[in-house]
Amino acid sequence: MWLMLVLHFVVSSVDAQDVMFGQNKYIEYQVGNMSLILTVPHGGSITPNTIPSRDAGCYDKVTKMCIYTHNCPSGSVKDSTNCKATTVKDLYTMETALSLSKEISRLTGGYCPHVIINHLSRSKLDPNRDKDEAAFGIPEAEQAWDDFMNFIGLAKSQMSTGLLIDIHGQAHPEQWIELGYLISMSNLDSGKFSAADSSIYSLSKQLTDISFDTLLRGSRSLGKFIEEQNGKYICVPSPTNPAPNGGNYFSGGYIVSTHGSKLKGQVDAIQIELPRWIRESTERPRFSIALAKALLNFYDIKLGN
């Protein structure tokens, strides 16, 4: 199935790792050989004139719904409050993903995660939104969105179980690392959540001897494994910060919701939101080592196809 979907892609090889590209080379897929996928939706810079920039969607006051198109239908108007389109680039997330991939390969003796990168500017395409909001109905952008999603599907088809890490950047004043499992800030604060609410539902069912709370923010959590690598890397949720406690926090978006295990399947997903100081060139190498070790401790990543 996935082979038929990607026949138009261009294939090349970099450092003995196959690399595939979608149409116009807007989307890049570095083919891996382990059950780990890294996605980078907001790190691109390409701004083709053939794709109009995303702006506010059109708000229909009757249905109270947003219509994401450049030309508003009758009865709707551009509304940057109700139908805002975020276009800010997540600086250095691409570089962080590639650095992380390199460290994982080093630690596993040459095995590589699957890496999927959107090279289009977020002003042209946002793969972490549904297709309408992502591409505003522009066919060229819609094709890139399809390529991004199809590459994830192709990577997932090569594994029975696995983990997807969706890499983002944020500028919240807390300067902590936010790990998104689709559990809202308020539910984390109140403790009203269950494994079935999360994007790691499959993992929770595999680890029957571990409570979900322990897996999410306790001694068996990704936050704990990151923090034990370096005390500077404060995470939420984690044993030290079980919840945002009213602070800023991103719980996860379209990619984690669609490709994690909340709805179906056995591939889990986590959105990781990094403060800029961690993404900068001075800290990035150290953090990549720490996150690589933490991921290998947190998840039983299968090596080889």
Protein backbone atom coordinates (compact mmCIF):
# COMPACT_ATOMS: atom_id res chain seq x y z
CA MET A 1 0.00 0.00 0.00
CA TRP A 2 2.61 2.53 1.06
CA LEU A 3 4.84 1.65 -1.89
CA MET A 4 2.06 2.68 -4.27
CA LEU A 5 1.69 5.98 -2.44
CA VAL A 6 5.35 6.93 -2.77
CA LEU A 7 6.15 5.97 -6.37
CA HIS A 8 6.69 9.64 -7.31
CA PHE A 9 9.32 10.17 -4.63
CA VAL A 10 13.00 10.71 -5.43
CA VAL A 11 15.45 8.37 -3.70
CA SER A 12 19.10 9.12 -2.99
CA SER A 13 21.67 8.00 -0.43
CA VAL A 14 23.56 9.96 2.21
CA ASP A 15 26.19 8.27 4.42
CA ALA A 16 24.84 4.84 3.41
CA GLN A 17 21.33 5.78 4.58
CA ASP A 18 18.62 5.95 1.93
CA VAL A 19 16.92 9.33 1.65
CA MET A 20 13.58 9.86 -0.07
CA PHE A 21 12.01 13.15 -1.11
CA GLY A 22 8.46 14.13 -1.87
CA GLN A 23 7.48 16.31 -4.79
CA ASN A 24 9.65 19.43 -5.20
CA LYS A 25 11.85 18.03 -2.40
CA TYR A 26 9.72 19.83 0.15
CA ILE A 27 9.56 16.75 2.41
CA GLU A 28 12.60 14.62 3.24
CA TYR A 29 12.54 11.08 4.61
CA GLN A 30 15.77 9.56 5.92
CA VAL A 31 14.93 5.86 5.97
CA GLY A 32 15.78 4.18 9.25
CA ASN A 33 16.24 0.61 10.41
CA MET A 34 14.91 0.75 13.97
CA SER A 35 11.50 1.23 15.59
CA LEU A 36 12.01 4.95 16.25
CA ILE A 37 10.68 7.84 14.15
CA LEU A 38 11.73 11.50 14.50
CA THR A 39 9.48 14.12 12.87
CA VAL A 40 10.27 17.81 12.33
CA PRO A 41 7.21 19.72 11.07
CA HIS A 42 8.19 23.33 11.84
CA GLY A 43 11.91 23.65 11.07
CA GLY A 44 11.73 24.45 7.35
CA SER A 45 12.68 27.66 5.55
CA ILE A 46 11.64 27.24 1.90
CA THR A 47 9.12 29.88 0.75
CA PRO A 48 8.06 29.17 -2.86
CA ASN A 49 6.07 31.94 -4.58
CA THR A 50 3.73 29.29 -5.95
CA ILE A 51 2.31 28.68 -2.45
CA PRO A 52 0.51 31.69 -0.94
CA SER A 53 1.40 32.32 2.69
CA ARG A 54 -1.00 30.96 5.28
CA ASP A 55 -2.95 33.70 7.02
CA ALA A 56 -6.08 33.83 9.15
CA GLY A 57 -8.89 31.42 8.36
CA CYS A 58 -12.45 32.51 7.59
CA TYR A 59 -14.88 32.54 10.50
CA ASP A 60 -18.51 31.62 9.87
CA LYS A 61 -20.59 33.35 12.53
CA VAL A 62 -23.58 31.05 11.97
CA THR A 63 -21.78 27.72 12.33
CA LYS A 64 -19.04 29.25 14.55
CA MET A 65 -16.49 27.28 12.54
CA CYS A 66 -13.26 28.19 10.76
CA ILE A 67 -12.83 27.64 7.05
CA TYR A 68 -9.17 27.60 6.12
CA THR A 69 -8.95 29.13 2.66
CA HIS A 70 -7.52 32.29 1.14
CA ASN A 71 -10.84 33.38 -0.38
CA CYS A 72 -13.62 33.45 2.20
CA PRO A 73 -16.97 31.93 1.22
CA SER A 74 -20.09 34.05 1.51
CA GLY A 75 -21.11 34.56 5.13
CA SER A 76 -17.58 34.27 6.53
CA VAL A 77 -14.76 36.75 7.12
CA LYS A 78 -11.04 36.55 7.84
CA ASP A 79 -10.66 36.33 11.61
CA SER A 80 -7.18 36.26 13.15
CA THR A 81 -8.63 35.79 16.64
CA ASN A 82 -10.92 32.80 16.19
CA CYS A 83 -9.10 31.32 13.18
CA LYS A 84 -5.46 32.20 13.78
CA ALA A 85 -2.83 30.45 11.65
CA THR A 86 0.50 30.12 13.45
CA THR A 87 3.46 30.64 11.12
CA VAL A 88 6.46 30.98 13.48
CA LYS A 89 9.41 28.71 12.70
CA ASP A 90 10.75 26.39 15.41
CA LEU A 91 14.40 27.38 15.16
CA TYR A 92 17.06 24.66 15.18
CA THR A 93 14.60 21.78 15.50
CA MET A 94 15.90 20.26 12.27
CA GLU A 95 19.45 20.51 13.54
CA THR A 96 18.38 19.00 16.86
CA ALA A 97 16.70 16.04 15.15
CA LEU A 98 19.76 15.32 13.00
CA SER A 99 22.08 15.61 16.00
CA LEU A 100 19.83 13.27 17.98
CA SER A 101 19.73 10.78 15.10
CA LYS A 102 23.52 10.78 14.96
CA GLU A 103 23.83 10.08 18.70
CA ILE A 104 21.28 7.28 18.59
CA SER A 105 23.19 5.69 15.71
CA ARG A 106 26.43 5.99 17.68
CA LEU A 107 24.93 4.40 20.79
CA THR A 108 23.33 1.52 18.87
CA GLY A 109 26.34 0.64 16.75
CA GLY A 110 25.15 2.18 13.49
CA TYR A 111 21.36 1.74 13.56
CA CYS A 112 19.39 4.80 12.43
CA PRO A 113 15.97 6.18 13.35
CA HIS A 114 13.54 7.18 10.62
CA VAL A 115 13.70 10.99 10.22
CA ILE A 116 10.96 12.97 8.45
CA ILE A 117 11.54 16.69 7.83
CA ASN A 118 9.32 19.39 6.37
CA HIS A 119 11.56 21.85 4.49
CA LEU A 120 8.74 24.28 3.72
CA SER A 121 8.39 27.34 5.90
CA ARG A 122 5.52 27.10 8.36
CA SER A 123 4.07 30.14 6.59
CA LYS A 124 3.50 27.83 3.61
CA LEU A 125 2.65 24.53 5.33
CA ASP A 126 2.04 23.31 8.87
CA PRO A 127 2.07 19.48 8.96
CA ASN A 128 1.07 19.52 12.63
CA ARG A 129 -2.48 20.54 11.65
CA ASP A 130 -5.21 18.77 9.73
CA LYS A 131 -4.94 19.14 5.97
CA ASP A 132 -7.29 22.12 5.60
CA GLU A 133 -5.59 24.28 8.21
CA ALA A 134 -2.15 23.02 7.17
CA ALA A 135 -2.37 23.92 3.49
CA PHE A 136 -5.30 26.35 3.04
CA GLY A 137 -6.54 24.38 0.03
CA ILE A 138 -3.43 25.02 -2.10
CA PRO A 139 -2.72 21.82 -4.14
CA GLU A 140 1.07 22.17 -3.98
CA ALA A 141 0.97 22.50 -0.20
CA GLU A 142 -1.61 19.71 0.10
CA GLN A 143 0.73 17.39 -1.81
CA ALA A 144 3.55 18.19 0.60
CA TRP A 145 1.22 17.49 3.54
CA ASP A 146 0.30 14.14 1.94
CA ASP A 147 3.99 13.33 1.44
CA PHE A 148 4.78 14.08 5.09
CA MET A 149 1.96 11.86 6.35
CA ASN A 150 2.68 9.10 3.83
CA PHE A 151 6.32 8.99 4.89
CA ILE A 152 5.22 8.53 8.51
CA GLY A 153 2.92 5.75 7.36
CA LEU A 154 5.74 4.13 5.41
CA ALA A 155 8.04 4.24 8.43
CA LYS A 156 5.34 2.81 10.70
CA SER A 157 4.64 0.00 8.24
CA GLN A 158 8.17 -1.29 8.84
CA MET A 159 7.62 -1.90 12.57
CA SER A 160 5.20 -3.84 14.75
CA THR A 161 5.69 -1.60 17.77
CA GLY A 162 7.57 1.67 17.90
CA LEU A 163 7.91 5.22 19.12
CA LEU A 164 7.48 8.54 17.28
CA ILE A 165 9.08 11.68 18.72
CA ASP A 166 7.68 14.91 17.28
CA ILE A 167 10.28 17.66 17.82
CA HIS A 168 9.24 21.28 18.44
CA GLY A 169 10.52 24.50 19.97
CA GLN A 170 8.81 26.85 22.42
CA ALA A 171 9.58 30.14 24.13
CA HIS A 172 7.71 29.74 27.42
CA PRO A 173 9.24 31.61 30.37
CA GLU A 174 9.55 28.45 32.47
CA GLN A 175 12.32 27.22 30.11
CA TRP A 176 11.46 23.61 30.81
CA ILE A 177 11.16 20.65 28.44
CA GLU A 178 7.51 19.88 27.77
CA LEU A 179 6.59 16.29 26.96
CA GLY A 180 3.17 16.03 25.33
CA TYR A 181 1.10 12.85 25.61
CA LEU A 182 -2.30 14.39 24.64
CA ILE A 183 -3.21 14.91 28.28
CA SER A 184 -4.24 18.51 28.81
CA MET A 185 -2.58 20.89 31.23
CA SER A 186 -5.71 21.01 33.41
CA ASN A 187 -6.00 17.22 33.52
CA LEU A 188 -2.34 16.86 34.45
CA ASP A 189 -2.85 19.41 37.22
CA SER A 190 -5.99 17.67 38.51
CA GLY A 191 -4.79 14.10 37.98
CA LYS A 192 -7.94 13.26 36.05
CA PHE A 193 -6.61 11.17 33.17
CA SER A 194 -6.16 7.57 32.09
CA ALA A 195 -3.82 5.64 29.81
CA ALA A 196 -6.55 5.47 27.17
CA ASP A 197 -6.44 9.29 26.95
CA SER A 198 -2.80 9.25 25.91
CA SER A 199 -0.61 8.83 22.83
CA ILE A 200 1.36 6.06 24.63
CA TYR A 201 -1.67 3.87 25.26
CA SER A 202 -0.05 0.87 23.55
CA LEU A 203 3.05 1.10 25.74
CA SER A 204 0.89 1.25 28.86
CA LYS A 205 -0.81 -1.99 27.82
CA GLN A 206 2.52 -3.70 27.25
CA LEU A 207 3.90 -2.71 30.68
CA THR A 208 1.15 -4.25 32.77
CA ASP A 209 3.23 -4.26 35.95
CA ILE A 210 3.74 -0.47 35.85
CA SER A 211 1.02 2.03 36.69
CA PHE A 212 0.26 4.61 34.04
CA ASP A 213 1.08 7.43 36.45
CA THR A 214 4.53 5.92 36.97
CA LEU A 215 5.01 5.63 33.20
CA LEU A 216 3.80 9.16 32.54
CA ARG A 217 5.54 11.14 35.28
CA GLY A 218 7.10 8.77 37.76
CA SER A 219 10.21 6.63 38.01
CA ARG A 220 9.57 4.97 34.63
CA SER A 221 8.81 8.17 32.68
CA LEU A 222 10.73 9.75 29.81
CA GLY A 223 10.92 12.94 31.90
CA LYS A 224 12.72 11.06 34.64
CA PHE A 225 15.19 9.47 32.21
CA ILE A 226 16.00 12.87 30.67
CA GLU A 227 16.45 14.59 34.03
CA GLU A 228 18.77 11.91 35.36
CA GLN A 229 21.14 12.60 32.47
CA ASN A 230 21.53 16.25 33.45
CA GLY A 231 19.93 18.22 36.26
CA LYS A 232 19.61 21.28 33.99
CA TYR A 233 17.06 19.51 31.80
CA ILE A 234 13.90 20.10 33.81
CA CYS A 235 10.94 18.24 32.34
CA VAL A 236 7.18 18.32 32.73
CA PRO A 237 5.69 15.85 33.41
CA SER A 238 8.39 14.15 35.50
CA PRO A 239 8.90 13.15 39.14
CA THR A 240 10.18 16.66 39.90
CA ASN A 241 7.36 18.38 37.98
CA PRO A 242 4.38 15.98 37.79
CA ALA A 243 2.20 18.72 36.25
CA PRO A 244 2.56 22.27 34.90
CA ASN A 245 0.78 23.56 38.02
CA GLY A 246 -0.71 26.42 36.06
CA GLY A 247 2.43 27.02 34.00
CA ASN A 248 2.75 26.97 30.23
CA TYR A 249 2.54 23.56 28.59
CA PHE A 250 1.85 22.03 25.16
CA SER A 251 0.09 18.67 25.42
CA GLY A 252 0.59 17.52 21.82
CA GLY A 253 -0.88 18.24 18.40
CA TYR A 254 -2.10 16.64 15.20
CA ILE A 255 0.91 14.39 14.50
CA VAL A 256 0.96 12.81 17.96
CA SER A 257 -2.83 12.52 17.99
CA THR A 258 -3.01 10.91 14.55
CA HIS A 259 0.08 8.72 14.60
CA GLY A 260 0.28 7.79 18.27
CA SER A 261 -1.55 4.83 19.81
CA LYS A 262 -4.49 6.66 21.37
CA LEU A 263 -6.82 5.84 18.49
CA LYS A 264 -5.26 2.68 17.08
CA GLY A 265 -2.07 0.76 16.45
CA GLN A 266 1.02 -0.05 18.48
CA VAL A 267 3.26 2.87 17.60
CA ASP A 268 3.37 5.34 20.47
CA ALA A 269 4.09 9.06 20.09
CA ILE A 270 5.34 11.94 22.23
CA GLN A 271 5.60 15.63 21.33
CA ILE A 272 8.74 17.19 22.78
CA GLU A 273 8.82 20.98 23.14
CA LEU A 274 12.30 22.37 23.72
CA PRO A 275 13.29 25.82 25.01
CA ARG A 276 15.62 27.69 22.70
CA TRP A 277 18.71 27.43 24.92
CA ILE A 278 18.65 23.67 24.48
CA ARG A 279 18.31 23.96 20.70
CA GLU A 280 21.20 26.42 20.38
CA SER A 281 24.51 25.10 19.01
CA THR A 282 26.26 25.45 22.37
CA GLU A 283 23.89 23.08 24.21
CA ARG A 284 22.51 20.94 21.37
CA PRO A 285 25.30 18.31 21.31
CA ARG A 286 25.05 17.67 25.06
CA PHE A 287 21.28 17.48 24.98
CA SER A 288 21.30 15.15 21.98
CA ILE A 289 23.45 12.70 23.90
CA ALA A 290 21.19 12.97 26.95
CA LEU A 291 17.96 12.52 24.98
CA ALA A 292 19.37 9.62 22.98
CA LYS A 293 20.26 7.77 26.19
CA ALA A 294 16.92 8.66 27.76
CA LEU A 295 14.92 7.35 24.80
CA LEU A 296 16.83 4.07 24.76
CA ASN A 297 16.21 3.68 28.50
CA PHE A 298 12.53 4.62 28.22
CA TYR A 299 11.48 2.49 25.25
CA ASP A 300 12.41 -0.98 24.02
CA ILE A 301 13.44 0.21 20.56
CA LYS A 302 13.86 -2.68 18.14
CA LEU A 303 17.01 -2.59 16.02
CA GLY A 304 16.89 -3.73 12.39
CA ASN A 305 13.96 -4.13 9.99
